[in-house]
Protein backbone atom coordinates (compact mmCIF):
# COMPACT_ATOMS: atom_id res chain seq x y z
CA UNK A 1 208.05 12.61 13.53
CA UNK A 2 205.69 10.05 12.31
CA UNK A 3 204.73 7.04 14.23
CA UNK A 4 205.91 3.71 13.20
CA UNK A 5 203.83 0.49 13.41
CA UNK A 6 206.81 -1.33 15.26
CA UNK A 7 208.49 0.54 17.82
CA UNK A 8 212.29 -0.02 17.85
CA UNK A 9 215.16 0.94 20.43
CA UNK A 10 216.86 4.07 19.24
CA UNK A 11 220.28 4.10 17.66
CA UNK A 12 222.68 6.02 15.59
CA UNK A 13 221.42 9.25 13.81
CA UNK A 14 217.94 8.62 15.34
CA UNK A 15 219.37 9.58 18.98
CA UNK A 16 220.09 13.23 17.99
CA UNK A 17 217.06 13.55 15.99
CA UNK A 18 214.68 12.61 18.86
CA UNK A 19 216.77 14.62 21.08
CA UNK A 20 216.36 17.69 19.07
CA UNK A 21 212.49 17.08 18.62
CA UNK A 22 212.31 16.65 22.48
CA UNK A 23 214.23 19.92 22.93
CA UNK A 24 211.93 21.88 20.69
CA UNK A 25 209.12 20.55 22.66
CA UNK A 26 210.31 21.10 26.02
CA UNK A 27 211.75 24.61 25.26
CA UNK A 28 208.49 25.72 23.70
CA UNK A 29 206.28 24.52 26.92
CA UNK A 30 208.50 25.79 29.80
CA UNK A 31 205.62 27.76 31.03
CA UNK A 32 203.39 24.73 31.29
CA UNK A 33 205.74 22.12 33.07
CA UNK A 34 208.30 24.23 35.13
CA UNK A 35 205.93 25.84 37.72
CA UNK A 36 204.91 23.53 40.42
CA UNK A 37 201.41 23.35 41.64
CA UNK A 38 202.57 22.70 45.11
CA UNK A 39 204.17 25.88 45.48
CA UNK A 40 201.91 28.04 43.45
CA UNK A 41 198.26 29.18 44.38
CA UNK A 42 197.62 30.25 40.84
CA UNK A 43 199.98 29.16 38.14
CA UNK A 44 201.17 31.42 35.45
CA UNK A 45 199.64 29.42 32.67
CA UNK A 46 196.09 29.73 34.12
CA UNK A 47 195.47 33.30 32.87
CA UNK A 48 196.24 31.82 29.32
CA UNK A 49 194.22 28.71 29.67
CA UNK A 50 191.46 29.47 32.26
CA UNK A 51 188.98 26.71 31.02
CA UNK A 52 191.71 23.99 31.34
CA UNK A 53 192.75 25.46 34.85
CA UNK A 54 189.12 25.44 36.08
CA UNK A 55 188.43 21.99 34.72
CA UNK A 56 191.42 20.54 36.42
CA UNK A 57 190.42 22.37 39.76
CA UNK A 58 187.06 20.83 39.61
CA UNK A 59 188.01 17.20 39.64
CA UNK A 60 188.26 14.84 42.63
CA UNK A 61 191.53 13.67 44.31
CA UNK A 62 190.46 10.06 43.38
CA UNK A 63 190.25 11.26 39.86
CA UNK A 64 193.71 12.81 39.81
CA UNK A 65 195.04 9.31 41.49
CA UNK A 66 193.45 7.41 38.49
CA UNK A 67 194.90 9.61 35.71
CA UNK A 68 198.28 10.06 37.49
CA UNK A 69 200.46 7.32 35.62
CA UNK A 70 198.81 7.86 32.31
CA UNK A 71 197.83 11.59 32.02
CA UNK A 72 198.02 11.27 28.14
CA UNK A 73 195.09 9.12 28.32
CA UNK A 74 193.02 12.05 29.58
CA UNK A 75 191.25 13.17 26.62
CA UNK A 76 188.31 15.03 28.02
CA UNK A 77 190.46 17.95 29.10
CA UNK A 78 189.94 21.27 27.42
CA UNK A 79 192.59 22.77 25.14
CA UNK A 80 195.60 22.60 24.94
CA UNK A 81 195.62 19.32 27.11
CA UNK A 82 194.47 16.61 24.46
CA UNK A 83 196.92 18.23 21.60
CA UNK A 84 199.89 18.26 24.17
CA UNK A 85 198.97 14.75 25.24
CA UNK A 86 199.06 13.54 21.61
CA UNK A 87 202.56 15.45 21.01
CA UNK A 88 204.15 14.15 24.21
CA UNK A 89 203.00 10.53 23.79
CA UNK A 90 204.37 10.44 20.39
CA UNK A 91 207.86 11.86 21.26
CA UNK A 92 208.03 9.59 24.33
CA UNK A 93 207.52 6.27 22.24
CA UNK A 94 210.34 3.98 22.42
CA UNK A 95 210.83 0.24 21.81
CA UNK A 96 211.87 -2.60 23.88
CA UNK A 97 215.36 -3.95 23.55
CA UNK A 98 215.60 -7.48 22.32
CA UNK A 99 215.89 -9.90 25.09
CA UNK A 100 217.59 -13.21 25.09
CA UNK A 101 215.91 -16.36 26.95
CA UNK A 102 216.15 -15.86 30.48
CA UNK A 103 219.02 -18.00 32.29
CA UNK A 104 217.88 -20.87 34.62
CA UNK A 105 219.01 -19.91 37.89
CA UNK A 106 219.03 -21.71 41.25
CA UNK A 107 216.11 -20.64 43.40
CA UNK A 108 218.62 -19.50 46.17
CA UNK A 109 219.71 -16.64 43.88
CA UNK A 110 216.56 -14.53 44.53
CA UNK A 111 216.66 -14.91 48.37
CA UNK A 112 217.00 -11.67 50.02
CA UNK A 113 215.66 -9.90 46.91
CA UNK A 114 212.39 -8.14 46.90
CA UNK A 115 210.11 -9.49 44.15
CA UNK A 116 209.91 -6.55 41.97
CA UNK A 117 213.76 -5.83 42.17
CA UNK A 118 214.40 -9.49 41.48
CA UNK A 119 212.40 -9.00 38.21
CA UNK A 120 214.02 -5.79 37.20
CA UNK A 121 217.30 -7.65 37.77
CA UNK A 122 216.20 -10.64 35.51
CA UNK A 123 215.02 -8.27 32.60
CA UNK A 124 217.81 -6.25 32.93
CA UNK A 125 220.54 -9.18 32.58
CA UNK A 126 218.33 -10.31 29.74
CA UNK A 127 218.64 -7.18 27.53
CA UNK A 128 222.62 -7.06 27.74
CA UNK A 129 223.68 -8.30 24.26
CA UNK A 130 226.88 -7.14 23.08
CA UNK A 131 229.15 -8.20 20.20
CA UNK A 132 231.99 -9.56 22.45
CA UNK A 133 231.11 -12.07 25.44
CA UNK A 134 231.85 -9.99 28.70
CA UNK A 135 234.71 -11.44 30.51
CA UNK A 136 234.97 -9.33 33.53
CA UNK A 137 231.78 -7.52 35.07
CA UNK A 138 231.82 -4.56 37.03
CA UNK A 139 228.79 -3.87 39.22
CA UNK A 140 228.69 -0.19 40.01
CA UNK A 141 226.83 0.97 43.19
CA UNK A 142 226.48 -2.89 43.57
CA UNK A 143 224.63 -3.03 47.02
CA UNK A 144 224.93 -6.75 47.82
CA UNK A 145 225.69 -7.56 44.15
CA UNK A 146 222.55 -9.18 43.39
CA UNK A 147 222.64 -8.16 39.81
CA UNK A 148 226.52 -8.95 39.39
CA UNK A 149 225.83 -12.47 40.53
CA UNK A 150 223.21 -12.97 38.00
CA UNK A 151 225.55 -12.00 35.32
CA UNK A 152 228.65 -13.88 36.58
CA UNK A 153 226.96 -17.07 37.61
CA UNK A 154 228.40 -18.93 34.54
CA UNK A 155 231.95 -18.33 35.36
CA UNK A 156 232.81 -14.63 34.51
CA UNK A 157 234.89 -12.48 37.12
CA UNK A 158 232.76 -10.14 38.94
CA UNK A 159 234.03 -6.82 41.11
CA UNK A 160 231.35 -5.16 42.96
CA UNK A 161 231.73 -1.62 44.05
CA UNK A 162 229.69 -0.52 47.02
CA UNK A 163 230.19 2.50 49.66
CA UNK A 164 228.26 0.85 52.50
CA UNK A 165 230.37 -1.44 54.32
CA UNK A 166 227.43 -3.49 55.93
CA UNK A 167 226.13 -4.16 52.16
CA UNK A 168 229.87 -4.90 51.12
CA UNK A 169 230.23 -7.77 53.90
CA UNK A 170 226.54 -9.06 53.25
CA UNK A 171 227.33 -9.38 49.54
CA UNK A 172 230.58 -10.97 50.03
CA UNK A 173 228.79 -13.72 52.19
CA UNK A 174 226.06 -14.24 49.68
CA UNK A 175 228.75 -14.55 46.62
CA UNK A 176 230.74 -17.23 48.95
CA UNK A 177 227.34 -19.09 49.76
CA UNK A 178 226.43 -19.06 46.16
CA UNK A 179 229.65 -20.17 44.84
CA UNK A 180 230.41 -17.12 42.91
CA UNK A 181 234.01 -15.84 42.42
CA UNK A 182 233.46 -12.06 43.26
CA UNK A 183 235.52 -9.26 44.73
CA UNK A 184 233.30 -7.00 46.83
CA UNK A 185 235.13 -3.81 47.46
CA UNK A 186 234.29 -0.89 49.76
CA UNK A 187 234.44 2.09 47.48
CA UNK A 188 233.14 5.60 47.23
CA UNK A 189 232.53 5.92 43.60
CA UNK A 190 232.86 9.54 43.68
CA UNK A 191 236.33 9.80 45.18
CA UNK A 192 239.48 10.16 43.18
CA UNK A 193 240.46 6.62 43.88
CA UNK A 194 237.41 5.05 42.15
CA UNK A 195 239.29 5.82 38.74
CA UNK A 196 241.52 3.04 39.77
CA UNK A 197 238.96 0.41 40.10
CA UNK A 198 237.74 0.80 36.49
CA UNK A 199 239.89 -1.07 33.94
CA UNK A 200 239.75 -1.54 30.11
CA UNK A 201 238.81 -5.15 30.58
CA UNK A 202 235.77 -4.43 32.45
CA UNK A 203 232.11 -4.37 31.33
CA UNK A 204 230.43 -2.11 33.92
CA UNK A 205 226.69 -2.16 34.80
CA UNK A 206 224.57 0.03 36.58
CA UNK A 207 220.96 -0.58 37.55
CA UNK A 208 219.37 2.53 39.09
CA UNK A 209 222.67 4.16 40.35
CA UNK A 210 221.44 7.75 41.17
CA UNK A 211 222.41 10.94 39.22
CA UNK A 212 225.81 11.76 39.85
CA UNK A 213 226.85 8.17 40.29
CA UNK A 214 225.90 6.81 36.88
CA UNK A 215 227.36 10.01 35.11
CA UNK A 216 230.53 9.33 37.14
CA UNK A 217 230.64 5.86 35.69
CA UNK A 218 230.26 7.05 32.07
CA UNK A 219 233.43 9.48 32.66
CA UNK A 220 235.48 6.83 34.17
CA UNK A 221 234.50 3.89 31.94
CA UNK A 222 235.06 6.27 28.91
CA UNK A 223 238.53 7.27 30.09
CA UNK A 224 239.67 3.87 30.79
CA UNK A 225 238.80 2.38 27.45
CA UNK A 226 236.00 -0.08 28.56
CA UNK A 227 234.72 -1.62 25.33
CA UNK A 228 231.00 -2.06 26.80
CA UNK A 229 228.91 -0.79 29.53
CA UNK A 230 225.13 -0.79 30.47
CA UNK A 231 223.36 1.69 32.47
CA UNK A 232 219.72 2.14 33.38
CA UNK A 233 219.65 5.81 35.11
CA UNK A 234 217.87 6.99 37.87
CA UNK A 235 217.21 10.11 40.14
CA UNK A 236 218.45 12.81 37.83
CA UNK A 237 218.38 15.33 40.67
CA UNK A 238 220.44 13.76 42.94
CA UNK A 239 223.58 15.56 41.99
CA UNK A 240 226.02 17.87 43.93
CA UNK A 241 225.59 20.39 41.38
CA UNK A 242 222.81 23.11 41.91
CA UNK A 243 221.45 22.86 38.54
CA UNK A 244 221.90 20.33 35.39
CA UNK A 245 225.20 20.28 33.83
CA UNK A 246 224.82 18.87 30.26
CA UNK A 247 227.07 16.30 29.07
CA UNK A 248 226.67 16.24 25.32
CA UNK A 249 227.53 18.98 22.58
CA UNK A 250 223.75 18.93 21.75
CA UNK A 251 222.47 19.42 25.16
CA UNK A 252 225.11 22.08 25.94
CA UNK A 253 223.89 23.91 23.13
CA UNK A 254 220.12 23.74 24.04
CA UNK A 255 218.67 26.81 25.83
CA UNK A 256 217.00 24.52 28.40
CA UNK A 257 218.15 25.63 31.90
CA UNK A 258 217.12 22.76 34.39
CA UNK A 259 216.93 23.35 38.13
CA UNK A 260 216.92 20.34 40.83
CA UNK A 261 213.17 20.78 41.11
CA UNK A 262 213.16 20.44 37.01
CA UNK A 263 215.02 17.16 37.34
CA UNK A 264 212.68 15.74 40.03
CA UNK A 265 210.03 15.86 37.62
CA UNK A 266 210.75 12.53 36.02
CA UNK A 267 210.90 10.80 39.16
CA UNK A 268 207.41 11.92 40.38
CA UNK A 269 205.74 8.81 38.64
CA UNK A 270 205.05 6.39 41.14
CA UNK A 271 204.17 2.62 41.19
CA UNK A 272 201.20 1.54 43.29
CA UNK A 273 201.82 2.05 46.79
CA UNK A 274 199.97 0.21 49.75
CA UNK A 275 197.00 1.95 51.25
CA UNK A 276 198.69 3.04 54.61
CA UNK A 277 201.61 4.58 52.79
CA UNK A 278 199.31 6.56 50.35
CA UNK A 279 196.99 7.67 53.49
CA UNK A 280 199.86 8.76 55.26
CA UNK A 281 201.51 10.49 52.19
CA UNK A 282 198.30 12.29 51.51
CA UNK A 283 197.55 13.36 55.08
CA UNK A 284 201.39 14.87 55.15
CA UNK A 285 200.62 16.95 52.02
CA UNK A 286 197.18 18.01 52.88
CA UNK A 287 198.46 19.31 56.16
CA UNK A 288 201.51 21.10 54.50
CA UNK A 289 199.28 22.65 51.83
CA UNK A 290 196.95 23.95 54.74
CA UNK A 291 199.82 25.35 56.67
CA UNK A 292 200.98 27.01 53.51
CA UNK A 293 197.69 29.02 53.51
CA UNK A 294 198.43 29.80 56.97
CA UNK A 295 202.07 31.03 56.71
CA UNK A 296 200.95 33.31 53.93
CA UNK A 297 198.75 35.04 56.49
CA UNK A 298 201.21 34.97 59.40
CA UNK A 299 203.86 36.54 57.22
CA UNK A 300 201.86 38.77 55.15
CA UNK A 301 203.63 37.58 51.99
CA UNK A 302 201.89 35.71 49.28
CA UNK A 303 204.69 33.27 48.50
CA UNK A 304 205.52 29.64 49.21
CA UNK A 305 207.79 29.22 52.43
CA UNK A 306 209.73 25.90 52.01
CA UNK A 307 209.33 23.51 55.22
CA UNK A 308 211.49 20.54 56.18
CA UNK A 309 210.36 16.96 55.84
CA UNK A 310 208.75 15.97 59.28
CA UNK A 311 208.90 12.70 61.07
CA UNK A 312 205.74 10.58 60.62
CA UNK A 313 205.06 11.19 64.40
CA UNK A 314 203.87 14.67 63.49
CA UNK A 315 200.76 13.48 61.94
CA UNK A 316 199.69 12.11 65.22
CA UNK A 317 199.65 15.63 66.57
CA UNK A 318 196.24 17.55 66.62
CA UNK A 319 196.16 19.73 63.48
CA UNK A 320 196.37 22.94 65.60
CA UNK A 321 199.20 21.72 67.60
CA UNK A 322 201.10 20.60 63.87
CA UNK A 323 200.51 24.14 62.56
CA UNK A 324 201.69 25.64 65.74
CA UNK A 325 204.89 23.48 66.19
CA UNK A 326 205.61 24.19 62.47
CA UNK A 327 205.01 27.96 63.00
CA UNK A 328 207.55 27.93 65.72
CA UNK A 329 210.12 25.64 63.90
CA UNK A 330 210.02 28.34 60.88
CA UNK A 331 210.39 31.55 63.38
CA UNK A 332 206.84 32.59 62.49
CA UNK A 333 204.58 34.33 64.85
CA UNK A 334 202.24 31.98 66.90
CA UNK A 335 198.94 31.59 65.00
CA UNK A 336 195.69 32.82 66.79
CA UNK A 337 193.03 30.55 67.83
CA UNK A 338 190.65 29.96 64.44
CA UNK A 339 188.59 27.39 62.95
CA UNK A 340 191.24 24.68 62.54
CA UNK A 341 188.76 22.15 61.01
CA UNK A 342 187.99 24.54 58.04
CA UNK A 343 191.70 25.33 57.44
CA UNK A 344 192.54 21.54 57.54
CA UNK A 345 189.66 21.08 54.93
CA UNK A 346 191.03 23.68 52.81
CA UNK A 347 194.19 21.69 52.75
CA UNK A 348 192.48 18.69 51.74
CA UNK A 349 190.72 20.79 48.92
CA UNK A 350 194.01 22.14 47.61
CA UNK A 351 195.61 18.52 47.44
CA UNK A 352 192.96 17.50 44.88
CA UNK A 353 193.50 20.72 42.91
CA UNK A 354 197.29 20.22 42.95
CA UNK A 355 197.15 16.67 42.15
CA UNK A 356 195.05 17.39 39.04
CA UNK A 357 196.82 20.48 38.05
CA UNK A 358 200.22 18.36 38.20
CA UNK A 359 198.69 16.16 35.39
CA UNK A 360 199.57 18.92 33.05
CA UNK A 361 203.10 18.71 34.22
CA UNK A 362 202.93 14.93 33.86
CA UNK A 363 202.58 15.00 30.26
CA UNK A 364 206.24 16.42 30.18
CA UNK A 365 207.63 13.70 32.55
CA UNK A 366 208.76 11.06 29.99
CA UNK A 367 209.70 13.55 27.38
CA UNK A 368 212.17 15.25 29.93
CA UNK A 369 213.27 11.95 31.24
CA UNK A 370 213.89 10.69 27.65
CA UNK A 371 215.95 14.21 26.84
CA UNK A 372 218.28 13.56 29.75
CA UNK A 373 218.92 10.01 28.88
CA UNK A 374 219.59 11.01 25.35
CA UNK A 375 222.03 13.40 26.49
CA UNK A 376 223.82 10.75 28.12
CA UNK A 377 223.55 8.52 24.84
CA UNK A 378 224.74 11.31 22.85
CA UNK A 379 227.72 11.92 25.20
CA UNK A 380 228.64 8.22 25.00
CA UNK A 381 228.56 8.29 20.84
CA UNK A 382 230.91 11.24 21.29
CA UNK A 383 233.21 9.03 23.21
CA UNK A 384 233.29 6.52 20.12
CA UNK A 385 230.61 4.18 21.49
CA UNK A 386 227.89 2.78 19.46
CA UNK A 387 224.87 3.30 21.45
CA UNK A 388 221.33 1.66 21.87
CA UNK A 389 218.63 2.97 23.99
CA UNK A 390 215.44 1.08 24.71
CA UNK A 391 213.00 -0.12 27.35
CA UNK A 392 214.25 -3.10 29.45
CA UNK A 393 210.98 -3.87 31.36
CA UNK A 394 207.42 -2.83 31.49
CA UNK A 395 206.84 0.64 33.42
CA UNK A 396 204.60 -1.53 36.22
CA UNK A 397 208.08 -3.06 37.17
CA UNK A 398 209.58 0.37 37.22
CA UNK A 399 209.06 3.68 35.79
CA UNK A 400 212.92 4.07 35.27
CA UNK A 401 212.89 1.46 32.45
CA UNK A 402 215.20 3.06 30.02
CA UNK A 403 218.45 1.05 29.24
CA UNK A 404 221.67 2.45 27.65
CA UNK A 405 223.89 -0.26 25.92
CA UNK A 406 227.03 1.04 24.55
CA UNK A 407 229.97 -0.62 22.76
CA UNK A 408 232.99 0.49 20.88
CA UNK A 409 233.76 -1.07 17.53
């Protein structure tokens, strides 16, 4: 694949061509991106690339944080990092979808919507360009229906499907106050009855419906004969299945076998969190990594032991109490008295190493996400849709910025 001067959205034969190139890349380098540094004291690939492993382990936590969202820019790393960075960056390139001029909306439309979410909604709606003007929007997993109201503000019909009755009631009230004619319906979209809610006259839209929820929409919209749909996928690991179930013929033919842990890799990119949230996250992870060292000693087994998510109140305990309580929770022998300060410091050191080692996995974050979205695009092609895939907003608004537009001729 060669770099083009002007990046374009993908469509037609380019969807399959890119999928096959990504599939070859991901299959060839599974040993580099599948093992999780958090669960391995020594990663399998470090014996093959000791210089890279030592270089990454020698970096600070601050250096890891600075490179987290742009691992491909880390050019000083030993081989094979720079070569892989160039290859993954090239295969991850995709153009922005064309946008029409943003509609002028009364300011009250954005009331009750967080700023970044409002920008995502506007960018999503501005990217919806179909050959036929939609007449009836179907907002899938709608929440309060903010997206649907933006799309239907100039008179189209709107149906919003949402599982949470409180959000349904709040959304219905908002639509009435804003003068939008909308049906807000309480509906579990995974239930059998959901098929009755999707009609051929609908144009379904889904902005960040998780995993199985947006896949369900694709199945139902295709079966119902919907002429158009638009999906920005999210949370590929949020699925009832224990591993990935490929949708398209191309993905079903791939030797790639994806676990739920693998599917979580695209979601590991974060936008900037506040200092307090970041400090709390880091302290929690450092303690878990320190406890990992302790549990290996207590069990006499040099393997990772999964621990449950713990309430924030656990971080207020002394480190010694934290370890004793977590050992009891996991049914392990009570730990003897030791240098708790040294063990906690070892946890922080491991956190710096883990975050830096994760930069190698990070190179494959976008390629895997694009592979997953292309599987969806190819599935829709097989259902008779003409499909365009591109970015609808910059990554700083949301890393989940890929949008599928599908329309039947």
